[in-house]
PDB file of N, CA and C in Angstrom:
ATOM      1  N   UNK A   1       0.915  -1.279  -0.147  1.00  0.00           N
ATOM      2  CA  UNK A   1      -0.041   0.056  -0.120  1.00  0.00           C
ATOM      3  C   UNK A   1       1.019   1.065  -0.040  1.00  0.00           C
ATOM      4  N   UNK A   2       0.741   2.123  -0.837  1.00  0.00           N
ATOM      5  CA  UNK A   2       1.452   3.196  -0.968  1.00  0.00           C
ATOM      6  C   UNK A   2       1.025   4.486   0.170  1.00  0.00           C
ATOM      7  N   UNK A   3       2.039   4.959   0.266  1.00  0.00           N
ATOM      8  CA  UNK A   3       1.503   6.387   1.226  1.00  0.00           C
ATOM      9  C   UNK A   3       0.514   7.361   0.425  1.00  0.00           C
ATOM     10  N   UNK A   4      -0.521   7.557   1.380  1.00  0.00           N
ATOM     11  CA  UNK A   4      -1.638   8.418   0.897  1.00  0.00           C
ATOM     12  C   UNK A   4      -3.041   7.280   0.559  1.00  0.00           C
ATOM     13  N   UNK A   5      -2.939   5.952   0.518  1.00  0.00           N
ATOM     14  CA  UNK A   5      -4.022   5.344   0.217  1.00  0.00           C
ATOM     15  C   UNK A   5      -4.639   4.632   1.311  1.00  0.00           C
ATOM     16  N   UNK A   6      -3.827   4.995   2.756  1.00  0.00           N
ATOM     17  CA  UNK A   6      -4.258   4.432   4.051  1.00  0.00           C
ATOM     18  C   UNK A   6      -5.685   5.182   4.129  1.00  0.00           C
ATOM     19  N   UNK A   7      -6.237   5.874   3.913  1.00  0.00           N
ATOM     20  CA  UNK A   7      -7.537   6.313   4.097  1.00  0.00           C
ATOM     21  C   UNK A   7      -8.108   7.022   2.598  1.00  0.00           C
ATOM     22  N   UNK A   8      -9.212   6.210   2.236  1.00  0.00           N
ATOM     23  CA  UNK A   8      -9.453   6.110   0.883  1.00  0.00           C
ATOM     24  C   UNK A   8     -10.414   7.810   0.740  1.00  0.00           C
ATOM     25  N   UNK A   9     -10.579   8.239   2.237  1.00  0.00           N
ATOM     26  CA  UNK A   9     -11.069   9.728   2.028  1.00  0.00           C
ATOM     27  C   UNK A   9     -10.199  10.982   2.409  1.00  0.00           C
ATOM     28  N   UNK A  10      -9.006  10.712   2.679  1.00  0.00           N
ATOM     29  CA  UNK A  10      -8.104  11.218   2.707  1.00  0.00           C
ATOM     30  C   UNK A  10      -8.013  13.072   2.353  1.00  0.00           C
ATOM     31  N   UNK A  11      -7.897  13.858   3.129  1.00  0.00           N
ATOM     32  CA  UNK A  11      -8.159  15.228   2.724  1.00  0.00           C
ATOM     33  C   UNK A  11      -9.594  15.682   2.084  1.00  0.00           C
ATOM     34  N   UNK A  12     -10.506  14.807   2.210  1.00  0.00           N
ATOM     35  CA  UNK A  12     -11.898  15.026   1.409  1.00  0.00           C
ATOM     36  C   UNK A  12     -12.433  16.111   2.443  1.00  0.00           C
ATOM     37  N   UNK A  13     -13.261  17.032   1.881  1.00  0.00           N
ATOM     38  CA  UNK A  13     -14.189  17.744   2.609  1.00  0.00           C
ATOM     39  C   UNK A  13     -14.901  17.169   3.261  1.00  0.00           C
ATOM     40  N   UNK A  14     -15.506  17.519   4.557  1.00  0.00           N
ATOM     41  CA  UNK A  14     -16.708  17.081   5.347  1.00  0.00           C
ATOM     42  C   UNK A  14     -17.928  17.281   4.389  1.00  0.00           C
ATOM     43  N   UNK A  15     -18.651  16.523   4.586  1.00  0.00           N
ATOM     44  CA  UNK A  15     -20.315  16.680   4.163  1.00  0.00           C
ATOM     45  C   UNK A  15     -20.829  17.115   5.184  1.00  0.00           C
ATOM     46  N   UNK A  16     -22.033  17.707   5.050  1.00  0.00           N
ATOM     47  CA  UNK A  16     -23.221  18.073   5.980  1.00  0.00           C
ATOM     48  C   UNK A  16     -23.384  16.942   6.966  1.00  0.00           C
ATOM     49  N   UNK A  17     -24.078  15.790   5.953  1.00  0.00           N
ATOM     50  CA  UNK A  17     -24.576  14.402   6.695  1.00  0.00           C
ATOM     51  C   UNK A  17     -23.134  13.980   7.418  1.00  0.00           C
ATOM     52  N   UNK A  18     -22.119  14.031   7.216  1.00  0.00           N
ATOM     53  CA  UNK A  18     -20.967  13.499   8.040  1.00  0.00           C
ATOM     54  C   UNK A  18     -21.009  14.283   9.304  1.00  0.00           C
ATOM     55  N   UNK A  19     -21.099  15.730   9.349  1.00  0.00           N
ATOM     56  CA  UNK A  19     -20.886  16.492  10.250  1.00  0.00           C
ATOM     57  C   UNK A  19     -21.853  16.110  11.279  1.00  0.00           C
ATOM     58  N   UNK A  20     -23.065  16.065  10.884  1.00  0.00           N
ATOM     59  CA  UNK A  20     -24.283  15.559  11.629  1.00  0.00           C
ATOM     60  C   UNK A  20     -24.064  14.483  12.700  1.00  0.00           C
ATOM     61  N   UNK A  21     -23.711  13.670  11.592  1.00  0.00           N
ATOM     62  CA  UNK A  21     -23.294  12.295  12.542  1.00  0.00           C
ATOM     63  C   UNK A  21     -22.150  12.363  13.293  1.00  0.00           C
ATOM     64  N   UNK A  22     -21.276  13.043  12.866  1.00  0.00           N
ATOM     65  CA  UNK A  22     -19.911  13.512  14.260  1.00  0.00           C
ATOM     66  C   UNK A  22     -20.625  13.958  15.388  1.00  0.00           C
ATOM     67  N   UNK A  23     -21.693  14.884  15.124  1.00  0.00           N
ATOM     68  CA  UNK A  23     -22.270  15.493  16.211  1.00  0.00           C
ATOM     69  C   UNK A  23     -22.886  14.702  16.878  1.00  0.00           C
ATOM     70  N   UNK A  24     -23.439  13.689  16.493  1.00  0.00           N
ATOM     71  CA  UNK A  24     -24.648  12.752  17.258  1.00  0.00           C
ATOM     72  C   UNK A  24     -23.631  11.551  17.924  1.00  0.00           C
ATOM     73  N   UNK A  25     -22.718  10.976  17.281  1.00  0.00           N
ATOM     74  CA  UNK A  25     -21.729  10.201  17.935  1.00  0.00           C
ATOM     75  C   UNK A  25     -21.024  10.854  18.941  1.00  0.00           C
ATOM     76  N   UNK A  26     -20.468  11.740  18.848  1.00  0.00           N
ATOM     77  CA  UNK A  26     -19.962  12.276  19.992  1.00  0.00           C
ATOM     78  C   UNK A  26     -20.615  12.847  21.054  1.00  0.00           C
ATOM     79  N   UNK A  27     -21.942  13.161  20.661  1.00  0.00           N
ATOM     80  CA  UNK A  27     -22.989  13.715  21.755  1.00  0.00           C
ATOM     81  C   UNK A  27     -23.395  12.317  22.751  1.00  0.00           C
ATOM     82  N   UNK A  28     -23.399  11.334  22.004  1.00  0.00           N
ATOM     83  CA  UNK A  28     -23.681  10.031  22.878  1.00  0.00           C
ATOM     84  C   UNK A  28     -22.370   9.280  23.585  1.00  0.00           C
ATOM     85  N   UNK A  29     -21.379  10.120  23.229  1.00  0.00           N
ATOM     86  CA  UNK A  29     -20.086   9.752  24.223  1.00  0.00           C
ATOM     87  C   UNK A  29     -19.430   8.758  23.420  1.00  0.00           C
ATOM     88  N   UNK A  30     -19.686   8.363  22.255  1.00  0.00           N
ATOM     89  CA  UNK A  30     -18.895   7.858  21.484  1.00  0.00           C
ATOM     90  C   UNK A  30     -17.416   7.943  21.547  1.00  0.00           C
ATOM     91  N   UNK A  31     -16.529   6.717  21.810  1.00  0.00           N
ATOM     92  CA  UNK A  31     -14.985   7.072  21.511  1.00  0.00           C
ATOM     93  C   UNK A  31     -14.632   7.103  20.040  1.00  0.00           C
ATOM     94  N   UNK A  32     -13.309   8.105  20.177  1.00  0.00           N
ATOM     95  CA  UNK A  32     -13.201   8.500  18.865  1.00  0.00           C
ATOM     96  C   UNK A  32     -12.470   7.448  17.655  1.00  0.00           C
ATOM     97  N   UNK A  33     -12.143   6.223  18.210  1.00  0.00           N
ATOM     98  CA  UNK A  33     -11.903   5.205  17.468  1.00  0.00           C
ATOM     99  C   UNK A  33     -13.193   4.683  16.673  1.00  0.00           C
ATOM    100  N   UNK A  34     -14.378   4.560  17.556  1.00  0.00           N
ATOM    101  CA  UNK A  34     -15.511   4.118  16.800  1.00  0.00           C
ATOM    102  C   UNK A  34     -15.956   5.086  16.120  1.00  0.00           C
ATOM    103  N   UNK A  35     -15.860   6.240  16.410  1.00  0.00           N
ATOM    104  CA  UNK A  35     -16.403   7.404  15.390  1.00  0.00           C
ATOM    105  C   UNK A  35     -15.898   7.438  14.079  1.00  0.00           C
ATOM    106  N   UNK A  36     -14.393   7.297  14.247  1.00  0.00           N
ATOM    107  CA  UNK A  36     -13.645   7.165  13.022  1.00  0.00           C
ATOM    108  C   UNK A  36     -13.934   6.146  11.878  1.00  0.00           C
ATOM    109  N   UNK A  37     -14.071   5.415  12.616  1.00  0.00           N
ATOM    110  CA  UNK A  37     -14.810   3.933  11.971  1.00  0.00           C
ATOM    111  C   UNK A  37     -16.090   3.970  11.102  1.00  0.00           C
ATOM    112  N   UNK A  38     -16.866   4.409  12.261  1.00  0.00           N
ATOM    113  CA  UNK A  38     -18.184   4.940  11.281  1.00  0.00           C
ATOM    114  C   UNK A  38     -18.226   5.889  10.657  1.00  0.00           C
ATOM    115  N   UNK A  39     -17.466   6.821  10.531  1.00  0.00           N
ATOM    116  CA  UNK A  39     -17.403   7.997   9.400  1.00  0.00           C
ATOM    117  C   UNK A  39     -16.394   7.472   8.264  1.00  0.00           C
ATOM    118  N   UNK A  40     -15.977   6.572   8.196  1.00  0.00           N
ATOM    119  CA  UNK A  40     -14.419   6.207   7.687  1.00  0.00           C
ATOM    120  C   UNK A  40     -13.388   7.225   7.437  1.00  0.00           C
ATOM    121  N   UNK A  41     -12.939   7.713   8.430  1.00  0.00           N
ATOM    122  CA  UNK A  41     -12.049   8.825   8.580  1.00  0.00           C
ATOM    123  C   UNK A  41     -11.184   8.584   9.635  1.00  0.00           C
ATOM    124  N   UNK A  42     -10.161   9.191   9.076  1.00  0.00           N
ATOM    125  CA  UNK A  42      -8.963   8.521  10.414  1.00  0.00           C
ATOM    126  C   UNK A  42      -9.291   9.552  11.602  1.00  0.00           C
ATOM    127  N   UNK A  43      -8.712   8.779  12.819  1.00  0.00           N
ATOM    128  CA  UNK A  43      -8.985   9.330  14.062  1.00  0.00           C
ATOM    129  C   UNK A  43      -8.379  10.872  14.153  1.00  0.00           C
ATOM    130  N   UNK A  44      -7.175  11.100  13.416  1.00  0.00           N
ATOM    131  CA  UNK A  44      -6.993  12.207  13.308  1.00  0.00           C
ATOM    132  C   UNK A  44      -7.699  13.603  12.600  1.00  0.00           C
ATOM    133  N   UNK A  45      -8.193  13.152  11.871  1.00  0.00           N
ATOM    134  CA  UNK A  45      -9.309  13.791  11.090  1.00  0.00           C
ATOM    135  C   UNK A  45     -10.411  14.197  11.988  1.00  0.00           C
ATOM    136  N   UNK A  46     -10.971  13.224  12.382  1.00  0.00           N
ATOM    137  CA  UNK A  46     -12.185  13.105  13.361  1.00  0.00           C
ATOM    138  C   UNK A  46     -11.962  13.941  14.758  1.00  0.00           C
ATOM    139  N   UNK A  47     -10.873  13.977  15.287  1.00  0.00           N
ATOM    140  CA  UNK A  47     -10.405  14.594  16.333  1.00  0.00           C
ATOM    141  C   UNK A  47     -10.094  16.084  16.060  1.00  0.00           C
ATOM    142  N   UNK A  48      -9.412  16.742  14.553  1.00  0.00           N
ATOM    143  CA  UNK A  48      -9.367  17.984  14.305  1.00  0.00           C
ATOM    144  C   UNK A  48     -10.503  18.198  13.587  1.00  0.00           C
ATOM    145  N   UNK A  49     -11.425  17.903  13.410  1.00  0.00           N
ATOM    146  CA  UNK A  49     -13.111  18.628  13.196  1.00  0.00           C
ATOM    147  C   UNK A  49     -13.634  18.733  14.349  1.00  0.00           C
ATOM    148  N   UNK A  50     -13.568  17.747  15.095  1.00  0.00           N
ATOM    149  CA  UNK A  50     -14.486  18.111  16.383  1.00  0.00           C
ATOM    150  C   UNK A  50     -13.772  19.304  16.935  1.00  0.00           C
ATOM    151  N   UNK A  51     -12.491  19.214  17.212  1.00  0.00           N
ATOM    152  CA  UNK A  51     -11.663  20.630  17.716  1.00  0.00           C
ATOM    153  C   UNK A  51     -12.346  21.895  17.222  1.00  0.00           C
ATOM    154  N   UNK A  52     -12.241  21.755  16.066  1.00  0.00           N
ATOM    155  CA  UNK A  52     -12.664  23.110  15.050  1.00  0.00           C
ATOM    156  C   UNK A  52     -14.234  23.323  15.477  1.00  0.00           C
ATOM    157  N   UNK A  53     -15.253  22.296  15.678  1.00  0.00           N
ATOM    158  CA  UNK A  53     -16.495  22.382  15.906  1.00  0.00           C
ATOM    159  C   UNK A  53     -16.806  22.435  17.253  1.00  0.00           C
ATOM    160  N   UNK A  54     -15.694  22.546  18.243  1.00  0.00           N
ATOM    161  CA  UNK A  54     -15.959  22.792  19.684  1.00  0.00           C
ATOM    162  C   UNK A  54     -16.562  21.691  20.356  1.00  0.00           C
ATOM    163  N   UNK A  55     -16.418  20.249  19.837  1.00  0.00           N
ATOM    164  CA  UNK A  55     -17.069  19.071  20.226  1.00  0.00           C
ATOM    165  C   UNK A  55     -16.202  18.330  21.301  1.00  0.00           C
ATOM    166  N   UNK A  56     -16.808  17.809  22.308  1.00  0.00           N
ATOM    167  CA  UNK A  56     -15.895  17.052  23.148  1.00  0.00           C
ATOM    168  C   UNK A  56     -15.980  15.507  22.758  1.00  0.00           C
ATOM    169  N   UNK A  57     -15.046  14.659  22.531  1.00  0.00           N
ATOM    170  CA  UNK A  57     -14.996  13.126  22.195  1.00  0.00           C
ATOM    171  C   UNK A  57     -14.418  12.692  23.022  1.00  0.00           C
ATOM    172  N   UNK A  58     -15.115  11.654  23.772  1.00  0.00           N
ATOM    173  CA  UNK A  58     -14.839  10.480  24.619  1.00  0.00           C
ATOM    174  C   UNK A  58     -13.165   9.959  24.488  1.00  0.00           C
ATOM    175  N   UNK A  59     -12.518  10.063  25.594  1.00  0.00           N
ATOM    176  CA  UNK A  59     -11.226   9.480  25.298  1.00  0.00           C
ATOM    177  C   UNK A  59     -11.037   7.906  24.892  1.00  0.00           C
ATOM    178  N   UNK A  60     -10.248   7.704  24.055  1.00  0.00           N
ATOM    179  CA  UNK A  60     -10.146   5.973  23.834  1.00  0.00           C
ATOM    180  C   UNK A  60     -10.049   5.060  25.118  1.00  0.00           C
ATOM    181  N   UNK A  61     -10.961   4.144  24.924  1.00  0.00           N
ATOM    182  CA  UNK A  61     -10.799   3.335  26.374  1.00  0.00           C
ATOM    183  C   UNK A  61      -9.937   1.999  26.152  1.00  0.00           C
TER     184      UNK A  61
END
């Protein structure tokens, strides 16, 4: 696997439906790893976006 292929969605802009799902899952107290998997995004991407939106994400368990 070449670098850049790790995540299919690398550097893709967030769609409104993804943001809604992020807010919902974060609001339920879901862990970062689970949210990233549900959104098919990297944990780093999810963490960064949540920070930008002022969302709190549960720590990894």
